[in-house]
Amino acid sequence: MSENNVHTDPGAIAEMEKVASHEHIAVRPDGSVAGYKASRTLRLRVELARQLRRRRTQLILGLLVLLPFILVIAFKLGSNNPNNRSGGFIDLATASAPNFVVTALFVSCSFLLPMIVAIFFGDTIASEASWSSLKYLLAMPIPRHRVIRQKAITSGLLSLLAIVVLPAVSLLVGVIFYGAGQAVSPTGDAVSFSDGILAIAGSTVYIAVNLLWVAALALFLSASTDAPLGAVGGTVLVAIVSQILDQITALDNLRDYLPTHYAFSWSDLISTDIDWSQMLRGTFSAVTYAAVFGALAIRRFTRKDITS
C-alpha cells in the first residue's frame, strides 16, 4: 500500500484511532493536565545539585578555600618588610585566629564577595536564556514565578555557602598558624577567643544581609538580559561606582544613601562596647534596596517576552 493511500484506507484509519485512544490525556476543568502539579517542577534539590556540579561553582568554592592559605603566604613573605603599617585590621592579622578571620573578611568584602554573589544571581536566569533552554522550562510548563523563585533560592543558598566557607576555613587556618588568642581591634579593645567567635558569626550574618542588594540587582539584570556577563558585570560595576562615590567626602550625608556605605559596619563587633546603630542602618539600607530590585526582577521576568 502506498503512502498516498494510507489516510484513505479504512484499516489504517481504524489503527490510528486505536492508537490515539490509548494516548488520550485527561484534562481537568481548569484546562490543566490531570496529575500535573506546579510544585513538582524545577525542584530545589535538583536545581541545587545541578548548580553544584557546574565548574563555575566548584572554582569559586575552591578559591575561597585557598584564599586563607594565600593570605598566610603573603603575610610570611611580607614579614621581612619592616614597619609598613596601615593602622587597620591588616596590621593585626597575625595576632590571633580571630584577627586573621577578620582580616580575610575585610579584604574580601569590598570586591570578592560582592562579585561572587553577583555571579550566582546574575548568571542564574540569563545563562538559561543564553543556552536557549529558558523557553523550554516555561513550556514544560513551569510557572514563571516558580522559575524565578527557585532560581533565586538556589543562588541564595550558594552565596550563603560561599560567605560561610571563607570565615570557616580562615578560622581553621588561623588556629593552626596563629593560635586561639584574643581578638584585638585597631582601637586597642580586646575580647576573648569565644567572644571573638561570636563576633565573627555576627559579622558573617551581617555581611550576608548587607549583600542582599547585590543579589537583588543581579537577579533583576539577569531577568532583563540574555547575556550572563552583562548581568554580572553590570552589578559589579554598580558596586564599584558606589564604593568610589562613598570615598568622596564632599558628598557628606548623601553617602548614607549609597548601598555600600555600611558595608564594613560589622567591624564594630570586635569591641568591648558595640555600637549597633551603624549595623542597623546598614541592614535597613540593604533590605530596602533588595526589596526594590527584587520587585523589579519579578515584574520584569513575569512580563518578559521569552524568545530564547
C-alpha atoms as a PDB file:
ATOM      1  CA  MET A   1       0.000   0.000   0.000  1.00  0.00           C
ATOM      2  CA  SER A   2       1.451   3.355  -0.996  1.00  0.00           C
ATOM      3  CA  GLU A   3       1.869   6.304   1.375  1.00  0.00           C
ATOM      4  CA  ASN A   4      -0.702   8.266  -0.681  1.00  0.00           C
ATOM      5  CA  ASN A   5      -3.458   5.787   0.239  1.00  0.00           C
ATOM      6  CA  VAL A   6      -2.720   5.424   3.940  1.00  0.00           C
ATOM      7  CA  HIS A   7      -5.134   8.170   5.035  1.00  0.00           C
ATOM      8  CA  THR A   8      -7.994   6.789   2.895  1.00  0.00           C
ATOM      9  CA  ASP A   9      -7.634   3.122   3.810  1.00  0.00           C
ATOM     10  CA  PRO A  10     -10.299   2.149   6.412  1.00  0.00           C
ATOM     11  CA  GLY A  11      -7.923  -0.243   8.149  1.00  0.00           C
ATOM     12  CA  ALA A  12      -5.245   2.382   8.567  1.00  0.00           C
ATOM     13  CA  ILE A  13      -7.762   4.883   9.892  1.00  0.00           C
ATOM     14  CA  ALA A  14      -9.051   2.404  12.457  1.00  0.00           C
ATOM     15  CA  GLU A  15      -5.497   1.629  13.590  1.00  0.00           C
ATOM     16  CA  MET A  16      -4.698   5.315  14.068  1.00  0.00           C
ATOM     17  CA  GLU A  17      -7.908   5.848  16.044  1.00  0.00           C
ATOM     18  CA  LYS A  18      -6.977   2.910  18.261  1.00  0.00           C
ATOM     19  CA  VAL A  19      -3.527   4.356  18.952  1.00  0.00           C
ATOM     20  CA  ALA A  20      -4.987   7.794  19.630  1.00  0.00           C
ATOM     21  CA  SER A  21      -7.443   6.374  22.160  1.00  0.00           C
ATOM     22  CA  HIS A  22      -4.568   4.844  24.150  1.00  0.00           C
ATOM     23  CA  GLU A  23      -2.714   8.172  24.184  1.00  0.00           C
ATOM     24  CA  HIS A  24      -5.647  10.202  25.412  1.00  0.00           C
ATOM     25  CA  ILE A  25      -4.641  12.672  28.128  1.00  0.00           C
ATOM     26  CA  ALA A  26      -7.178  13.590  30.767  1.00  0.00           C
ATOM     27  CA  VAL A  27      -7.755  17.308  31.189  1.00  0.00           C
ATOM     28  CA  ARG A  28      -9.160  18.995  34.281  1.00  0.00           C
ATOM     29  CA  PRO A  29     -11.998  21.559  34.085  1.00  0.00           C
ATOM     30  CA  ASP A  30      -9.463  24.391  34.546  1.00  0.00           C
ATOM     31  CA  GLY A  31      -7.532  23.224  31.482  1.00  0.00           C
ATOM     32  CA  SER A  32      -4.577  21.639  33.279  1.00  0.00           C
ATOM     33  CA  VAL A  33      -3.437  18.100  32.575  1.00  0.00           C
ATOM     34  CA  ALA A  34      -4.507  15.522  35.153  1.00  0.00           C
ATOM     35  CA  GLY A  35      -1.636  14.690  37.503  1.00  0.00           C
ATOM     36  CA  TYR A  36       0.254  17.921  36.815  1.00  0.00           C
ATOM     37  CA  LYS A  37       1.410  19.855  39.874  1.00  0.00           C
ATOM     38  CA  ALA A  38       3.482  23.005  39.581  1.00  0.00           C
ATOM     39  CA  SER A  39       5.111  22.254  42.938  1.00  0.00           C
ATOM     40  CA  ARG A  40       6.756  19.167  41.423  1.00  0.00           C
ATOM     41  CA  THR A  41       8.525  21.132  38.705  1.00  0.00           C
ATOM     42  CA  LEU A  42      12.056  22.529  38.975  1.00  0.00           C
ATOM     43  CA  ARG A  43      12.599  21.058  42.440  1.00  0.00           C
ATOM     44  CA  LEU A  44      15.075  22.878  44.622  1.00  0.00           C
ATOM     45  CA  ARG A  45      17.147  19.762  45.332  1.00  0.00           C
ATOM     46  CA  VAL A  46      17.585  19.055  41.630  1.00  0.00           C
ATOM     47  CA  GLU A  47      18.452  22.657  40.744  1.00  0.00           C
ATOM     48  CA  LEU A  48      20.900  22.951  43.645  1.00  0.00           C
ATOM     49  CA  ALA A  49      22.659  19.708  42.675  1.00  0.00           C
ATOM     50  CA  ARG A  50      22.839  20.910  39.083  1.00  0.00           C
ATOM     51  CA  GLN A  51      24.453  24.194  40.087  1.00  0.00           C
ATOM     52  CA  LEU A  52      26.924  22.478  42.419  1.00  0.00           C
ATOM     53  CA  ARG A  53      28.095  20.302  39.541  1.00  0.00           C
ATOM     54  CA  ARG A  54      28.941  23.331  37.432  1.00  0.00           C
ATOM     55  CA  ARG A  55      32.643  24.092  37.078  1.00  0.00           C
ATOM     56  CA  ARG A  56      31.961  27.743  37.888  1.00  0.00           C
ATOM     57  CA  THR A  57      30.615  26.900  41.332  1.00  0.00           C
ATOM     58  CA  GLN A  58      33.436  24.489  42.094  1.00  0.00           C
ATOM     59  CA  LEU A  59      36.089  27.031  41.102  1.00  0.00           C
ATOM     60  CA  ILE A  60      34.527  29.730  43.282  1.00  0.00           C
ATOM     61  CA  LEU A  61      34.349  27.497  46.343  1.00  0.00           C
ATOM     62  CA  GLY A  62      37.877  26.265  45.669  1.00  0.00           C
ATOM     63  CA  LEU A  63      39.152  29.847  45.516  1.00  0.00           C
ATOM     64  CA  LEU A  64      37.528  30.658  48.863  1.00  0.00           C
ATOM     65  CA  VAL A  65      39.182  27.614  50.431  1.00  0.00           C
ATOM     66  CA  LEU A  66      42.581  28.594  49.026  1.00  0.00           C
ATOM     67  CA  LEU A  67      42.355  32.281  49.925  1.00  0.00           C
ATOM     68  CA  PRO A  68      43.276  31.888  53.637  1.00  0.00           C
ATOM     69  CA  PHE A  69      46.380  29.922  52.669  1.00  0.00           C
ATOM     70  CA  ILE A  70      47.298  32.604  50.141  1.00  0.00           C
ATOM     71  CA  LEU A  71      46.984  35.234  52.878  1.00  0.00           C
ATOM     72  CA  VAL A  72      49.233  33.218  55.198  1.00  0.00           C
ATOM     73  CA  ILE A  73      51.884  33.008  52.483  1.00  0.00           C
ATOM     74  CA  ALA A  74      51.528  36.730  51.777  1.00  0.00           C
ATOM     75  CA  PHE A  75      51.993  37.628  55.443  1.00  0.00           C
ATOM     76  CA  LYS A  76      55.042  35.408  55.727  1.00  0.00           C
ATOM     77  CA  LEU A  77      56.622  36.891  52.601  1.00  0.00           C
ATOM     78  CA  GLY A  78      55.831  40.388  53.780  1.00  0.00           C
ATOM     79  CA  SER A  79      57.154  39.868  57.313  1.00  0.00           C
ATOM     80  CA  ASN A  80      60.623  40.864  56.157  1.00  0.00           C
ATOM     81  CA  ASN A  81      59.448  44.351  55.198  1.00  0.00           C
ATOM     82  CA  PRO A  82      59.800  46.433  58.404  1.00  0.00           C
ATOM     83  CA  ASN A  83      57.106  48.742  59.751  1.00  0.00           C
ATOM     84  CA  ASN A  84      54.878  49.048  56.703  1.00  0.00           C
ATOM     85  CA  ARG A  85      51.805  49.778  58.814  1.00  0.00           C
ATOM     86  CA  SER A  86      48.404  50.936  57.668  1.00  0.00           C
ATOM     87  CA  GLY A  87      46.810  51.242  61.103  1.00  0.00           C
ATOM     88  CA  GLY A  88      43.961  48.791  60.495  1.00  0.00           C
ATOM     89  CA  PHE A  89      42.971  45.161  60.950  1.00  0.00           C
ATOM     90  CA  ILE A  90      45.577  44.022  58.431  1.00  0.00           C
ATOM     91  CA  ASP A  91      48.370  45.057  60.810  1.00  0.00           C
ATOM     92  CA  LEU A  92      46.841  42.772  63.469  1.00  0.00           C
ATOM     93  CA  ALA A  93      46.089  39.844  61.159  1.00  0.00           C
ATOM     94  CA  THR A  94      48.743  37.551  62.655  1.00  0.00           C
ATOM     95  CA  ALA A  95      47.896  38.364  66.282  1.00  0.00           C
ATOM     96  CA  SER A  96      45.396  35.503  66.621  1.00  0.00           C
ATOM     97  CA  ALA A  97      42.983  33.299  64.702  1.00  0.00           C
ATOM     98  CA  PRO A  98      40.007  35.674  65.164  1.00  0.00           C
ATOM     99  CA  ASN A  99      42.091  38.568  63.871  1.00  0.00           C
ATOM    100  CA  PHE A 100      43.102  36.508  60.851  1.00  0.00           C
ATOM    101  CA  VAL A 101      39.439  35.764  60.077  1.00  0.00           C
ATOM    102  CA  VAL A 102      38.520  39.437  60.417  1.00  0.00           C
ATOM    103  CA  THR A 103      41.315  40.329  58.008  1.00  0.00           C
ATOM    104  CA  ALA A 104      40.150  37.717  55.486  1.00  0.00           C
ATOM    105  CA  LEU A 105      36.643  39.171  55.620  1.00  0.00           C
ATOM    106  CA  PHE A 106      37.978  42.721  55.466  1.00  0.00           C
ATOM    107  CA  VAL A 107      39.953  42.165  52.256  1.00  0.00           C
ATOM    108  CA  SER A 108      37.083  40.222  50.641  1.00  0.00           C
ATOM    109  CA  CYS A 109      34.106  42.455  51.397  1.00  0.00           C
ATOM    110  CA  SER A 110      34.970  45.253  49.017  1.00  0.00           C
ATOM    111  CA  PHE A 111      35.148  43.199  45.799  1.00  0.00           C
ATOM    112  CA  LEU A 112      35.449  39.409  46.049  1.00  0.00           C
ATOM    113  CA  LEU A 113      32.271  38.558  47.970  1.00  0.00           C
ATOM    114  CA  PRO A 114      30.058  41.043  46.068  1.00  0.00           C
ATOM    115  CA  MET A 115      31.414  39.641  42.807  1.00  0.00           C
ATOM    116  CA  ILE A 116      30.656  36.060  43.881  1.00  0.00           C
ATOM    117  CA  VAL A 117      27.086  36.967  44.833  1.00  0.00           C
ATOM    118  CA  ALA A 118      26.729  38.813  41.522  1.00  0.00           C
ATOM    119  CA  ILE A 119      27.932  35.722  39.644  1.00  0.00           C
ATOM    120  CA  PHE A 120      25.474  33.367  41.328  1.00  0.00           C
ATOM    121  CA  PHE A 121      22.466  35.665  40.891  1.00  0.00           C
ATOM    122  CA  GLY A 122      23.425  37.358  37.625  1.00  0.00           C
ATOM    123  CA  ASP A 123      24.069  34.073  35.852  1.00  0.00           C
ATOM    124  CA  THR A 124      21.047  32.164  37.081  1.00  0.00           C
ATOM    125  CA  ILE A 125      18.375  33.211  34.530  1.00  0.00           C
ATOM    126  CA  ALA A 126      20.489  34.848  31.842  1.00  0.00           C
ATOM    127  CA  SER A 127      22.504  31.655  31.392  1.00  0.00           C
ATOM    128  CA  GLU A 128      19.324  29.664  30.709  1.00  0.00           C
ATOM    129  CA  ALA A 129      18.379  32.260  28.108  1.00  0.00           C
ATOM    130  CA  SER A 130      21.827  32.160  26.506  1.00  0.00           C
ATOM    131  CA  TRP A 131      21.622  28.349  26.315  1.00  0.00           C
ATOM    132  CA  SER A 132      18.152  28.644  24.694  1.00  0.00           C
ATOM    133  CA  SER A 133      16.724  26.433  27.439  1.00  0.00           C
ATOM    134  CA  LEU A 134      14.628  29.026  29.273  1.00  0.00           C
ATOM    135  CA  LYS A 135      11.701  28.781  26.856  1.00  0.00           C
ATOM    136  CA  TYR A 136      11.657  25.002  27.281  1.00  0.00           C
ATOM    137  CA  LEU A 137      11.466  25.351  31.070  1.00  0.00           C
ATOM    138  CA  LEU A 138       8.420  27.579  30.671  1.00  0.00           C
ATOM    139  CA  ALA A 139       6.893  25.216  28.101  1.00  0.00           C
ATOM    140  CA  MET A 140       7.051  22.154  30.399  1.00  0.00           C
ATOM    141  CA  PRO A 141       5.156  24.114  31.821  1.00  0.00           C
ATOM    142  CA  ILE A 142       6.822  25.688  34.855  1.00  0.00           C
ATOM    143  CA  PRO A 143       5.125  28.876  36.090  1.00  0.00           C
ATOM    144  CA  ARG A 144       7.296  31.938  35.704  1.00  0.00           C
ATOM    145  CA  HIS A 145       7.042  32.939  39.346  1.00  0.00           C
ATOM    146  CA  ARG A 146       8.259  29.472  40.320  1.00  0.00           C
ATOM    147  CA  VAL A 147      11.203  29.634  37.913  1.00  0.00           C
ATOM    148  CA  ILE A 148      12.492  32.910  39.334  1.00  0.00           C
ATOM    149  CA  ARG A 149      11.774  31.836  42.913  1.00  0.00           C
ATOM    150  CA  GLN A 150      13.609  28.522  42.637  1.00  0.00           C
ATOM    151  CA  LYS A 151      16.496  30.158  40.821  1.00  0.00           C
ATOM    152  CA  ALA A 152      16.745  32.893  43.463  1.00  0.00           C
ATOM    153  CA  ILE A 153      16.630  30.432  46.377  1.00  0.00           C
ATOM    154  CA  THR A 154      19.321  28.258  44.788  1.00  0.00           C
ATOM    155  CA  SER A 155      21.549  31.268  44.140  1.00  0.00           C
ATOM    156  CA  GLY A 156      20.962  32.458  47.693  1.00  0.00           C
ATOM    157  CA  LEU A 157      21.992  29.114  49.174  1.00  0.00           C
ATOM    158  CA  LEU A 158      25.148  29.029  47.051  1.00  0.00           C
ATOM    159  CA  SER A 159      26.008  32.609  48.007  1.00  0.00           C
ATOM    160  CA  LEU A 160      25.454  31.863  51.690  1.00  0.00           C
ATOM    161  CA  LEU A 161      27.653  28.778  51.386  1.00  0.00           C
ATOM    162  CA  ALA A 162      30.413  30.879  49.846  1.00  0.00           C
ATOM    163  CA  ILE A 163      30.119  33.557  52.535  1.00  0.00           C
ATOM    164  CA  VAL A 164      30.308  30.937  55.306  1.00  0.00           C
ATOM    165  CA  VAL A 165      33.142  28.901  53.762  1.00  0.00           C
ATOM    166  CA  LEU A 166      35.580  31.836  53.855  1.00  0.00           C
ATOM    167  CA  PRO A 167      35.465  32.577  57.623  1.00  0.00           C
ATOM    168  CA  ALA A 168      35.177  28.884  58.498  1.00  0.00           C
ATOM    169  CA  VAL A 169      38.322  27.908  56.600  1.00  0.00           C
ATOM    170  CA  SER A 170      40.081  31.097  57.736  1.00  0.00           C
ATOM    171  CA  LEU A 171      39.377  30.248  61.376  1.00  0.00           C
ATOM    172  CA  LEU A 172      40.822  26.758  60.971  1.00  0.00           C
ATOM    173  CA  VAL A 173      43.912  28.098  59.208  1.00  0.00           C
ATOM    174  CA  GLY A 174      44.262  30.892  61.769  1.00  0.00           C
ATOM    175  CA  VAL A 175      44.187  28.489  64.713  1.00  0.00           C
ATOM    176  CA  ILE A 176      46.858  26.339  63.061  1.00  0.00           C
ATOM    177  CA  PHE A 177      49.241  29.181  62.231  1.00  0.00           C
ATOM    178  CA  TYR A 178      48.477  31.904  64.800  1.00  0.00           C
ATOM    179  CA  GLY A 179      46.767  30.212  67.739  1.00  0.00           C
ATOM    180  CA  ALA A 180      43.466  30.753  69.529  1.00  0.00           C
ATOM    181  CA  GLY A 181      44.215  34.093  71.149  1.00  0.00           C
ATOM    182  CA  GLN A 182      42.194  37.209  71.827  1.00  0.00           C
ATOM    183  CA  ALA A 183      40.615  39.287  69.096  1.00  0.00           C
ATOM    184  CA  VAL A 184      42.204  42.731  69.114  1.00  0.00           C
ATOM    185  CA  SER A 185      40.783  45.774  67.321  1.00  0.00           C
ATOM    186  CA  PRO A 186      42.829  48.692  65.943  1.00  0.00           C
ATOM    187  CA  THR A 187      41.450  50.842  68.782  1.00  0.00           C
ATOM    188  CA  GLY A 188      43.060  48.568  71.373  1.00  0.00           C
ATOM    189  CA  ASP A 189      39.936  46.722  72.525  1.00  0.00           C
ATOM    190  CA  ALA A 190      40.499  43.030  73.184  1.00  0.00           C
ATOM    191  CA  VAL A 191      37.867  40.300  73.523  1.00  0.00           C
ATOM    192  CA  SER A 192      38.271  36.648  74.440  1.00  0.00           C
ATOM    193  CA  PHE A 193      38.516  33.899  71.842  1.00  0.00           C
ATOM    194  CA  SER A 194      34.951  32.728  72.486  1.00  0.00           C
ATOM    195  CA  ASP A 195      33.587  36.269  72.188  1.00  0.00           C
ATOM    196  CA  GLY A 196      35.672  36.681  69.058  1.00  0.00           C
ATOM    197  CA  ILE A 197      33.999  33.624  67.520  1.00  0.00           C
ATOM    198  CA  LEU A 198      30.577  35.112  68.305  1.00  0.00           C
ATOM    199  CA  ALA A 199      31.678  38.393  66.738  1.00  0.00           C
ATOM    200  CA  ILE A 200      32.812  36.551  63.602  1.00  0.00           C
ATOM    201  CA  ALA A 201      29.483  34.725  63.397  1.00  0.00           C
ATOM    202  CA  GLY A 202      27.624  38.016  63.754  1.00  0.00           C
ATOM    203  CA  SER A 203      29.862  39.626  61.148  1.00  0.00           C
ATOM    204  CA  THR A 204      29.161  36.804  58.694  1.00  0.00           C
ATOM    205  CA  VAL A 205      25.417  37.194  59.158  1.00  0.00           C
ATOM    206  CA  TYR A 206      25.650  40.958  58.674  1.00  0.00           C
ATOM    207  CA  ILE A 207      27.746  40.586  55.516  1.00  0.00           C
ATOM    208  CA  ALA A 208      25.188  38.157  54.085  1.00  0.00           C
ATOM    209  CA  VAL A 209      22.354  40.593  54.821  1.00  0.00           C
ATOM    210  CA  ASN A 210      24.313  43.569  53.510  1.00  0.00           C
ATOM    211  CA  LEU A 211      24.883  41.801  50.182  1.00  0.00           C
ATOM    212  CA  LEU A 212      21.158  41.290  49.613  1.00  0.00           C
ATOM    213  CA  TRP A 213      21.068  44.410  47.464  1.00  0.00           C
ATOM    214  CA  VAL A 214      23.785  42.923  45.234  1.00  0.00           C
ATOM    215  CA  ALA A 215      21.779  39.708  44.889  1.00  0.00           C
ATOM    216  CA  ALA A 216      18.543  41.509  44.008  1.00  0.00           C
ATOM    217  CA  LEU A 217      20.208  43.838  41.493  1.00  0.00           C
ATOM    218  CA  ALA A 218      21.981  40.925  39.800  1.00  0.00           C
ATOM    219  CA  LEU A 219      18.701  38.986  39.641  1.00  0.00           C
ATOM    220  CA  PHE A 220      16.973  41.967  38.052  1.00  0.00           C
ATOM    221  CA  LEU A 221      19.696  42.334  35.430  1.00  0.00           C
ATOM    222  CA  SER A 222      19.698  38.575  34.847  1.00  0.00           C
ATOM    223  CA  ALA A 223      15.961  38.693  34.129  1.00  0.00           C
ATOM    224  CA  SER A 224      16.475  41.672  31.810  1.00  0.00           C
ATOM    225  CA  THR A 225      19.188  40.333  29.534  1.00  0.00           C
ATOM    226  CA  ASP A 226      20.214  37.154  27.728  1.00  0.00           C
ATOM    227  CA  ALA A 227      23.913  37.805  28.437  1.00  0.00           C
ATOM    228  CA  PRO A 228      25.143  36.464  31.816  1.00  0.00           C
ATOM    229  CA  LEU A 229      28.325  38.527  31.573  1.00  0.00           C
ATOM    230  CA  GLY A 230      26.263  41.685  31.172  1.00  0.00           C
ATOM    231  CA  ALA A 231      24.214  40.944  34.291  1.00  0.00           C
ATOM    232  CA  VAL A 232      27.245  40.080  36.400  1.00  0.00           C
ATOM    233  CA  GLY A 233      29.377  42.911  35.029  1.00  0.00           C
ATOM    234  CA  GLY A 234      26.618  45.468  35.455  1.00  0.00           C
ATOM    235  CA  THR A 235      26.142  44.525  39.101  1.00  0.00           C
ATOM    236  CA  VAL A 236      29.857  44.626  39.873  1.00  0.00           C
ATOM    237  CA  LEU A 237      30.144  47.986  38.114  1.00  0.00           C
ATOM    238  CA  VAL A 238      27.371  49.479  40.249  1.00  0.00           C
ATOM    239  CA  ALA A 239      29.086  48.190  43.408  1.00  0.00           C
ATOM    240  CA  ILE A 240      32.433  49.690  42.354  1.00  0.00           C
ATOM    241  CA  VAL A 241      30.909  53.066  41.459  1.00  0.00           C
ATOM    242  CA  SER A 242      29.086  53.119  44.794  1.00  0.00           C
ATOM    243  CA  GLN A 243      32.345  52.465  46.640  1.00  0.00           C
ATOM    244  CA  ILE A 244      34.101  55.217  44.699  1.00  0.00           C
ATOM    245  CA  LEU A 245      31.354  57.719  45.467  1.00  0.00           C
ATOM    246  CA  ASP A 246      31.475  56.705  49.117  1.00  0.00           C
ATOM    247  CA  GLN A 247      35.097  57.908  49.252  1.00  0.00           C
ATOM    248  CA  ILE A 248      34.146  61.421  48.128  1.00  0.00           C
ATOM    249  CA  THR A 249      33.759  63.305  51.398  1.00  0.00           C
ATOM    250  CA  ALA A 250      32.280  66.311  49.591  1.00  0.00           C
ATOM    251  CA  LEU A 251      29.049  64.328  49.216  1.00  0.00           C
ATOM    252  CA  ASP A 252      28.705  64.472  53.007  1.00  0.00           C
ATOM    253  CA  ASN A 253      25.392  62.955  54.182  1.00  0.00           C
ATOM    254  CA  LEU A 254      24.429  61.875  50.666  1.00  0.00           C
ATOM    255  CA  ARG A 255      26.843  58.984  51.093  1.00  0.00           C
ATOM    256  CA  ASP A 256      24.483  57.473  53.659  1.00  0.00           C
ATOM    257  CA  TYR A 257      22.140  56.541  50.814  1.00  0.00           C
ATOM    258  CA  LEU A 258      24.760  54.573  48.923  1.00  0.00           C
ATOM    259  CA  PRO A 259      24.227  50.790  49.158  1.00  0.00           C
ATOM    260  CA  THR A 260      27.892  50.204  50.039  1.00  0.00           C
ATOM    261  CA  HIS A 261      28.207  52.918  52.695  1.00  0.00           C
ATOM    262  CA  TYR A 262      27.645  50.499  55.608  1.00  0.00           C
ATOM    263  CA  ALA A 263      29.477  47.532  54.103  1.00  0.00           C
ATOM    264  CA  PHE A 264      32.133  47.448  56.853  1.00  0.00           C
ATOM    265  CA  SER A 265      29.937  48.301  59.845  1.00  0.00           C
ATOM    266  CA  TRP A 266      30.375  44.715  61.071  1.00  0.00           C
ATOM    267  CA  SER A 267      33.895  45.624  62.250  1.00  0.00           C
ATOM    268  CA  ASP A 268      32.284  47.347  65.260  1.00  0.00           C
ATOM    269  CA  LEU A 269      31.545  43.872  66.640  1.00  0.00           C
ATOM    270  CA  ILE A 270      35.241  43.476  67.544  1.00  0.00           C
ATOM    271  CA  SER A 271      34.859  45.776  70.501  1.00  0.00           C
ATOM    272  CA  THR A 272      34.038  45.746  74.186  1.00  0.00           C
ATOM    273  CA  ASP A 273      31.423  48.465  73.649  1.00  0.00           C
ATOM    274  CA  ILE A 274      29.489  47.640  70.469  1.00  0.00           C
ATOM    275  CA  ASP A 275      27.736  50.410  68.545  1.00  0.00           C
ATOM    276  CA  TRP A 276      24.743  48.788  66.855  1.00  0.00           C
ATOM    277  CA  SER A 277      23.419  51.927  65.140  1.00  0.00           C
ATOM    278  CA  GLN A 278      25.586  51.646  62.011  1.00  0.00           C
ATOM    279  CA  MET A 279      24.717  47.993  61.504  1.00  0.00           C
ATOM    280  CA  LEU A 280      21.003  48.707  61.918  1.00  0.00           C
ATOM    281  CA  ARG A 281      21.218  51.447  59.295  1.00  0.00           C
ATOM    282  CA  GLY A 282      23.186  49.134  57.024  1.00  0.00           C
ATOM    283  CA  THR A 283      20.618  46.362  57.422  1.00  0.00           C
ATOM    284  CA  PHE A 284      17.735  48.717  56.659  1.00  0.00           C
ATOM    285  CA  SER A 285      19.542  50.102  53.605  1.00  0.00           C
ATOM    286  CA  ALA A 286      20.361  46.649  52.200  1.00  0.00           C
ATOM    287  CA  VAL A 287      16.861  45.268  52.772  1.00  0.00           C
ATOM    288  CA  THR A 288      15.250  48.339  51.200  1.00  0.00           C
ATOM    289  CA  TYR A 289      17.394  48.172  48.068  1.00  0.00           C
ATOM    290  CA  ALA A 290      16.861  44.404  47.884  1.00  0.00           C
ATOM    291  CA  ALA A 291      13.081  44.814  48.099  1.00  0.00           C
ATOM    292  CA  VAL A 292      13.056  47.376  45.290  1.00  0.00           C
ATOM    293  CA  PHE A 293      15.353  45.446  42.944  1.00  0.00           C
ATOM    294  CA  GLY A 294      13.653  42.151  43.824  1.00  0.00           C
ATOM    295  CA  ALA A 295      10.225  43.539  42.933  1.00  0.00           C
ATOM    296  CA  LEU A 296      11.612  44.882  39.663  1.00  0.00           C
ATOM    297  CA  ALA A 297      13.146  41.481  38.888  1.00  0.00           C
ATOM    298  CA  ILE A 298       9.856  39.643  39.445  1.00  0.00           C
ATOM    299  CA  ARG A 299       7.908  42.229  37.430  1.00  0.00           C
ATOM    300  CA  ARG A 300      10.381  42.107  34.584  1.00  0.00           C
ATOM    301  CA  PHE A 301      10.578  38.311  34.370  1.00  0.00           C
ATOM    302  CA  THR A 302       6.833  37.667  34.612  1.00  0.00           C
ATOM    303  CA  ARG A 303       6.150  40.114  31.784  1.00  0.00           C
ATOM    304  CA  LYS A 304       9.176  39.441  29.603  1.00  0.00           C
ATOM    305  CA  ASP A 305       8.733  38.064  26.098  1.00  0.00           C
ATOM    306  CA  ILE A 306      10.833  34.897  26.258  1.00  0.00           C
ATOM    307  CA  THR A 307      12.303  34.247  22.829  1.00  0.00           C
ATOM    308  CA  SER A 308      15.390  32.264  23.782  1.00  0.00           C
END
